[in-house]
Amino acid sequence: MQSVQSLSNTFAALGDETRLAILNRLATEGDMTVQEIARPFAMSLPAVSQHLKVLERAGLIARGRDGQKRPCRLNPERLAETALWFDHTRAAWDARFDRLERFLMQSPSALSTASKGEDQ
């Protein structure tokens, strides 16, 4: 499981519309250079590079070397780790809701007592 700081960096990186769009393009179109990534965005190359640095620090992308090019590629392992955190958290909440539901089904008198107290 990812550390709290690592998860925080991942969610901060995912919390930006441009960075999500970049990740989506890398997922659907494969490895791309900064210039290729920047093409559809109305921003400068340095601004796109800043977004890429945030994604790279969060471990969501990696930059390689291919001669003069430095292609960016998606790091699906980090996304999978984040998905595991969501699954773990969802399972914990599902268990809590199941316990609450069982409690409410077993304690109809507790509900009627609570609602009588609100009327007074």
N, C-alpha and C. Protein backbone atom coordinates (compact mmCIF):
# COMPACT_ATOMS: atom_id res chain seq x y z
N MET A 1 0.86 -1.19 0.00
CA MET A 1 0.00 0.00 0.00
C MET A 1 0.90 1.24 0.00
N GLN A 2 0.46 2.27 -0.71
CA GLN A 2 1.21 3.51 -0.80
C GLN A 2 1.26 4.21 0.55
N SER A 3 2.33 4.95 0.79
CA SER A 3 2.43 5.74 2.01
C SER A 3 1.44 6.89 1.92
N VAL A 4 1.16 7.51 3.06
CA VAL A 4 0.22 8.63 3.10
C VAL A 4 0.75 9.78 2.24
N GLN A 5 2.04 10.08 2.32
CA GLN A 5 2.62 11.17 1.52
C GLN A 5 2.53 10.85 0.03
N SER A 6 2.80 9.62 -0.32
CA SER A 6 2.73 9.21 -1.71
C SER A 6 1.31 9.33 -2.25
N LEU A 7 0.33 8.90 -1.45
CA LEU A 7 -1.07 9.04 -1.85
C LEU A 7 -1.46 10.50 -1.97
N SER A 8 -1.00 11.30 -1.05
CA SER A 8 -1.29 12.73 -1.09
C SER A 8 -0.74 13.36 -2.36
N ASN A 9 0.48 13.01 -2.73
CA ASN A 9 1.07 13.52 -3.98
C ASN A 9 0.28 13.04 -5.20
N THR A 10 -0.14 11.80 -5.17
CA THR A 10 -0.91 11.25 -6.28
C THR A 10 -2.23 11.98 -6.43
N PHE A 11 -2.96 12.17 -5.33
CA PHE A 11 -4.25 12.84 -5.40
C PHE A 11 -4.10 14.31 -5.78
N ALA A 12 -3.03 14.96 -5.30
CA ALA A 12 -2.79 16.35 -5.69
C ALA A 12 -2.53 16.43 -7.20
N ALA A 13 -1.78 15.49 -7.72
CA ALA A 13 -1.50 15.47 -9.16
C ALA A 13 -2.78 15.20 -9.96
N LEU A 14 -3.61 14.31 -9.46
CA LEU A 14 -4.85 13.96 -10.16
C LEU A 14 -5.92 15.04 -10.03
N GLY A 15 -5.72 15.97 -9.11
CA GLY A 15 -6.72 16.99 -8.84
C GLY A 15 -6.73 18.15 -9.83
N ASP A 16 -5.97 18.05 -10.90
CA ASP A 16 -5.90 19.12 -11.88
C ASP A 16 -6.42 18.61 -13.23
N GLU A 17 -7.28 19.38 -13.84
CA GLU A 17 -7.92 18.99 -15.11
C GLU A 17 -6.90 18.76 -16.22
N THR A 18 -5.89 19.61 -16.30
CA THR A 18 -4.87 19.47 -17.35
C THR A 18 -4.08 18.19 -17.15
N ARG A 19 -3.70 17.92 -15.91
CA ARG A 19 -2.92 16.70 -15.65
C ARG A 19 -3.74 15.45 -15.92
N LEU A 20 -5.03 15.49 -15.60
CA LEU A 20 -5.89 14.35 -15.93
C LEU A 20 -5.96 14.15 -17.44
N ALA A 21 -6.06 15.24 -18.17
CA ALA A 21 -6.10 15.15 -19.64
C ALA A 21 -4.80 14.58 -20.19
N ILE A 22 -3.68 14.99 -19.61
CA ILE A 22 -2.38 14.45 -20.03
C ILE A 22 -2.33 12.95 -19.78
N LEU A 23 -2.73 12.53 -18.59
CA LEU A 23 -2.73 11.09 -18.28
C LEU A 23 -3.64 10.32 -19.22
N ASN A 24 -4.80 10.89 -19.53
CA ASN A 24 -5.72 10.23 -20.43
C ASN A 24 -5.11 10.06 -21.82
N ARG A 25 -4.43 11.10 -22.31
CA ARG A 25 -3.79 11.00 -23.62
C ARG A 25 -2.68 9.95 -23.61
N LEU A 26 -1.89 9.92 -22.55
CA LEU A 26 -0.83 8.91 -22.48
C LEU A 26 -1.41 7.50 -22.41
N ALA A 27 -2.55 7.37 -21.73
CA ALA A 27 -3.19 6.06 -21.62
C ALA A 27 -3.76 5.59 -22.96
N THR A 28 -4.31 6.53 -23.73
CA THR A 28 -4.95 6.14 -24.99
C THR A 28 -4.02 6.17 -26.19
N GLU A 29 -3.02 7.08 -26.17
CA GLU A 29 -2.16 7.24 -27.34
C GLU A 29 -0.75 6.70 -27.16
N GLY A 30 -0.38 6.34 -25.93
CA GLY A 30 0.96 5.81 -25.69
C GLY A 30 1.98 6.90 -25.43
N ASP A 31 3.24 6.52 -25.45
CA ASP A 31 4.34 7.44 -25.14
C ASP A 31 4.33 8.64 -26.08
N MET A 32 4.64 9.82 -25.51
CA MET A 32 4.68 11.05 -26.29
C MET A 32 5.76 11.97 -25.75
N THR A 33 6.25 12.83 -26.61
CA THR A 33 7.20 13.86 -26.20
C THR A 33 6.42 15.03 -25.59
N VAL A 34 7.15 15.94 -24.95
CA VAL A 34 6.51 17.11 -24.35
C VAL A 34 5.78 17.92 -25.43
N GLN A 35 6.41 18.08 -26.59
CA GLN A 35 5.77 18.84 -27.67
C GLN A 35 4.47 18.18 -28.12
N GLU A 36 4.46 16.86 -28.21
CA GLU A 36 3.24 16.15 -28.61
C GLU A 36 2.16 16.28 -27.54
N ILE A 37 2.57 16.20 -26.29
CA ILE A 37 1.61 16.34 -25.19
C ILE A 37 1.02 17.74 -25.18
N ALA A 38 1.86 18.75 -25.45
CA ALA A 38 1.45 20.15 -25.35
C ALA A 38 0.52 20.59 -26.48
N ARG A 39 0.53 19.90 -27.59
CA ARG A 39 -0.21 20.33 -28.78
C ARG A 39 -1.65 20.78 -28.53
N PRO A 40 -2.48 20.00 -27.86
CA PRO A 40 -3.89 20.42 -27.74
C PRO A 40 -4.15 21.47 -26.65
N PHE A 41 -3.14 21.81 -25.88
CA PHE A 41 -3.35 22.73 -24.76
C PHE A 41 -2.97 24.16 -25.13
N ALA A 42 -3.76 25.10 -24.68
CA ALA A 42 -3.48 26.52 -24.92
C ALA A 42 -2.59 27.04 -23.80
N MET A 43 -1.36 26.52 -23.75
CA MET A 43 -0.39 26.95 -22.74
C MET A 43 1.01 26.76 -23.29
N SER A 44 1.95 27.38 -22.66
CA SER A 44 3.35 27.31 -23.11
C SER A 44 3.95 25.94 -22.78
N LEU A 45 5.05 25.65 -23.48
CA LEU A 45 5.78 24.41 -23.18
C LEU A 45 6.28 24.37 -21.74
N PRO A 46 6.80 25.49 -21.19
CA PRO A 46 7.21 25.45 -19.78
C PRO A 46 6.04 25.13 -18.83
N ALA A 47 4.85 25.61 -19.15
CA ALA A 47 3.68 25.31 -18.30
C ALA A 47 3.35 23.82 -18.37
N VAL A 48 3.40 23.26 -19.56
CA VAL A 48 3.15 21.81 -19.72
C VAL A 48 4.24 21.03 -18.99
N SER A 49 5.47 21.49 -19.10
CA SER A 49 6.58 20.82 -18.40
C SER A 49 6.37 20.82 -16.89
N GLN A 50 5.82 21.90 -16.35
CA GLN A 50 5.53 21.95 -14.92
C GLN A 50 4.50 20.89 -14.54
N HIS A 51 3.48 20.75 -15.35
CA HIS A 51 2.47 19.70 -15.10
C HIS A 51 3.12 18.32 -15.16
N LEU A 52 4.00 18.12 -16.12
CA LEU A 52 4.67 16.83 -16.24
C LEU A 52 5.57 16.55 -15.03
N LYS A 53 6.20 17.58 -14.49
CA LYS A 53 7.03 17.40 -13.29
C LYS A 53 6.19 16.96 -12.10
N VAL A 54 5.00 17.54 -11.96
CA VAL A 54 4.11 17.14 -10.87
C VAL A 54 3.71 15.67 -11.05
N LEU A 55 3.36 15.30 -12.27
CA LEU A 55 2.97 13.91 -12.54
C LEU A 55 4.14 12.95 -12.31
N GLU A 56 5.32 13.39 -12.67
CA GLU A 56 6.51 12.55 -12.48
C GLU A 56 6.84 12.39 -11.00
N ARG A 57 6.78 13.49 -10.23
CA ARG A 57 7.04 13.40 -8.78
C ARG A 57 6.04 12.49 -8.10
N ALA A 58 4.81 12.49 -8.60
CA ALA A 58 3.78 11.62 -8.02
C ALA A 58 3.93 10.17 -8.49
N GLY A 59 4.84 9.93 -9.41
CA GLY A 59 5.06 8.57 -9.90
C GLY A 59 4.05 8.12 -10.94
N LEU A 60 3.25 9.04 -11.44
CA LEU A 60 2.21 8.69 -12.41
C LEU A 60 2.74 8.57 -13.84
N ILE A 61 3.85 9.24 -14.12
CA ILE A 61 4.50 9.11 -15.41
C ILE A 61 5.99 8.93 -15.20
N ALA A 62 6.66 8.48 -16.23
CA ALA A 62 8.12 8.38 -16.23
C ALA A 62 8.61 8.95 -17.55
N ARG A 63 9.80 9.53 -17.50
CA ARG A 63 10.40 10.06 -18.73
C ARG A 63 11.59 9.19 -19.08
N GLY A 64 11.69 8.87 -20.34
CA GLY A 64 12.78 8.03 -20.81
C GLY A 64 13.70 8.82 -21.73
N ARG A 65 14.61 8.11 -22.35
CA ARG A 65 15.52 8.71 -23.33
C ARG A 65 15.46 7.86 -24.60
N ASP A 66 15.29 8.55 -25.71
CA ASP A 66 15.30 7.90 -27.01
C ASP A 66 16.05 8.82 -27.96
N GLY A 67 17.37 8.73 -27.91
CA GLY A 67 18.20 9.66 -28.69
C GLY A 67 18.03 11.07 -28.16
N GLN A 68 17.59 11.98 -29.01
CA GLN A 68 17.36 13.37 -28.61
C GLN A 68 16.02 13.54 -27.90
N LYS A 69 15.12 12.60 -28.06
CA LYS A 69 13.77 12.70 -27.48
C LYS A 69 13.75 12.22 -26.04
N ARG A 70 12.83 12.79 -25.29
CA ARG A 70 12.58 12.33 -23.92
C ARG A 70 11.11 12.00 -23.79
N PRO A 71 10.69 10.85 -24.30
CA PRO A 71 9.26 10.52 -24.27
C PRO A 71 8.75 10.30 -22.84
N CYS A 72 7.50 10.67 -22.64
CA CYS A 72 6.83 10.45 -21.36
C CYS A 72 5.93 9.23 -21.53
N ARG A 73 5.86 8.44 -20.48
CA ARG A 73 4.98 7.27 -20.54
C ARG A 73 4.22 7.15 -19.23
N LEU A 74 3.05 6.63 -19.32
CA LEU A 74 2.20 6.42 -18.16
C LEU A 74 2.80 5.33 -17.28
N ASN A 75 2.68 5.49 -15.97
CA ASN A 75 3.11 4.47 -15.02
C ASN A 75 1.84 3.82 -14.45
N PRO A 76 1.35 2.77 -15.11
CA PRO A 76 0.09 2.17 -14.67
C PRO A 76 0.18 1.53 -13.28
N GLU A 77 1.39 1.18 -12.84
CA GLU A 77 1.53 0.58 -11.51
C GLU A 77 1.08 1.54 -10.43
N ARG A 78 1.42 2.83 -10.56
CA ARG A 78 1.03 3.81 -9.54
C ARG A 78 -0.49 3.97 -9.53
N LEU A 79 -1.09 3.98 -10.71
CA LEU A 79 -2.56 4.06 -10.77
C LEU A 79 -3.18 2.82 -10.12
N ALA A 80 -2.58 1.67 -10.34
CA ALA A 80 -3.09 0.43 -9.74
C ALA A 80 -2.96 0.48 -8.22
N GLU A 81 -1.86 1.03 -7.72
CA GLU A 81 -1.68 1.17 -6.26
C GLU A 81 -2.75 2.09 -5.68
N THR A 82 -3.05 3.16 -6.39
CA THR A 82 -4.08 4.09 -5.93
C THR A 82 -5.45 3.42 -5.96
N ALA A 83 -5.71 2.63 -6.97
CA ALA A 83 -6.97 1.89 -7.06
C ALA A 83 -7.10 0.90 -5.89
N LEU A 84 -5.99 0.30 -5.49
CA LEU A 84 -6.02 -0.60 -4.32
C LEU A 84 -6.42 0.15 -3.06
N TRP A 85 -5.93 1.39 -2.91
CA TRP A 85 -6.31 2.19 -1.76
C TRP A 85 -7.81 2.45 -1.77
N PHE A 86 -8.35 2.80 -2.95
CA PHE A 86 -9.79 3.01 -3.07
C PHE A 86 -10.56 1.74 -2.72
N ASP A 87 -10.10 0.60 -3.21
CA ASP A 87 -10.77 -0.67 -2.93
C ASP A 87 -10.76 -0.96 -1.44
N HIS A 88 -9.61 -0.75 -0.80
CA HIS A 88 -9.48 -0.99 0.64
C HIS A 88 -10.42 -0.08 1.44
N THR A 89 -10.43 1.20 1.06
CA THR A 89 -11.28 2.17 1.74
C THR A 89 -12.75 1.86 1.53
N ARG A 90 -13.12 1.51 0.30
CA ARG A 90 -14.51 1.15 0.00
C ARG A 90 -14.92 -0.08 0.81
N ALA A 91 -14.06 -1.06 0.91
CA ALA A 91 -14.38 -2.27 1.67
C ALA A 91 -14.60 -1.93 3.15
N ALA A 92 -13.79 -1.03 3.69
CA ALA A 92 -13.96 -0.63 5.09
C ALA A 92 -15.31 0.06 5.29
N TRP A 93 -15.67 0.97 4.39
CA TRP A 93 -16.96 1.66 4.51
C TRP A 93 -18.13 0.71 4.29
N ASP A 94 -18.00 -0.21 3.35
CA ASP A 94 -19.06 -1.20 3.14
C ASP A 94 -19.29 -2.01 4.41
N ALA A 95 -18.20 -2.40 5.08
CA ALA A 95 -18.33 -3.16 6.32
C ALA A 95 -19.03 -2.33 7.39
N ARG A 96 -18.71 -1.05 7.48
CA ARG A 96 -19.37 -0.18 8.46
C ARG A 96 -20.86 -0.04 8.17
N PHE A 97 -21.20 0.15 6.91
CA PHE A 97 -22.61 0.27 6.56
C PHE A 97 -23.36 -1.04 6.81
N ASP A 98 -22.70 -2.17 6.55
CA ASP A 98 -23.32 -3.47 6.84
C ASP A 98 -23.60 -3.62 8.33
N ARG A 99 -22.63 -3.20 9.19
CA ARG A 99 -22.84 -3.27 10.63
C ARG A 99 -23.97 -2.36 11.07
N LEU A 100 -24.04 -1.17 10.50
CA LEU A 100 -25.11 -0.24 10.83
C LEU A 100 -26.46 -0.81 10.41
N GLU A 101 -26.51 -1.39 9.23
CA GLU A 101 -27.77 -1.98 8.76
C GLU A 101 -28.22 -3.12 9.68
N ARG A 102 -27.27 -3.98 10.07
CA ARG A 102 -27.62 -5.08 10.99
C ARG A 102 -28.12 -4.53 12.32
N PHE A 103 -27.46 -3.49 12.83
CA PHE A 103 -27.88 -2.89 14.09
C PHE A 103 -29.30 -2.34 13.98
N LEU A 104 -29.56 -1.62 12.90
CA LEU A 104 -30.88 -1.02 12.72
C LEU A 104 -31.97 -2.08 12.56
N MET A 105 -31.64 -3.18 11.91
CA MET A 105 -32.61 -4.26 11.73
C MET A 105 -32.92 -4.96 13.06
N GLN A 106 -31.94 -5.03 13.96
CA GLN A 106 -32.11 -5.72 15.23
C GLN A 106 -32.70 -4.83 16.31
N SER A 107 -32.68 -3.53 16.12
CA SER A 107 -33.07 -2.60 17.18
C SER A 107 -34.19 -1.65 16.76
N PRO A 108 -35.36 -2.16 16.41
CA PRO A 108 -36.43 -1.24 16.03
C PRO A 108 -36.85 -0.35 17.20
N SER A 109 -36.74 -0.83 18.42
CA SER A 109 -37.12 -0.02 19.57
C SER A 109 -36.14 1.14 19.77
N ALA A 110 -34.88 0.96 19.40
CA ALA A 110 -33.91 2.04 19.52
C ALA A 110 -34.28 3.19 18.58
N LEU A 111 -34.81 2.85 17.42
CA LEU A 111 -35.23 3.90 16.48
C LEU A 111 -36.45 4.65 17.01
N SER A 112 -37.43 3.92 17.54
CA SER A 112 -38.64 4.59 18.00
C SER A 112 -38.34 5.47 19.24
N THR A 113 -37.44 5.02 20.11
CA THR A 113 -37.05 5.79 21.27
C THR A 113 -36.33 7.08 20.83
N ALA A 114 -35.45 6.96 19.83
CA ALA A 114 -34.71 8.12 19.34
C ALA A 114 -35.67 9.13 18.71
N SER A 115 -36.64 8.67 17.95
CA SER A 115 -37.55 9.62 17.30
C SER A 115 -38.51 10.25 18.31
N LYS A 116 -38.88 9.53 19.40
CA LYS A 116 -39.73 10.13 20.45
C LYS A 116 -38.97 11.24 21.16
N GLY A 117 -37.68 11.04 21.35
CA GLY A 117 -36.87 12.05 22.03
C GLY A 117 -36.75 13.32 21.21
N GLU A 118 -36.79 13.20 19.88
CA GLU A 118 -36.67 14.38 19.01
C GLU A 118 -37.94 15.21 19.05
N ASP A 119 -39.10 14.59 19.28
CA ASP A 119 -40.37 15.32 19.27
C ASP A 119 -40.56 16.18 20.49
N GLN A 120 -39.87 15.85 21.56
CA GLN A 120 -40.11 16.54 22.83
C GLN A 120 -39.45 17.87 22.88
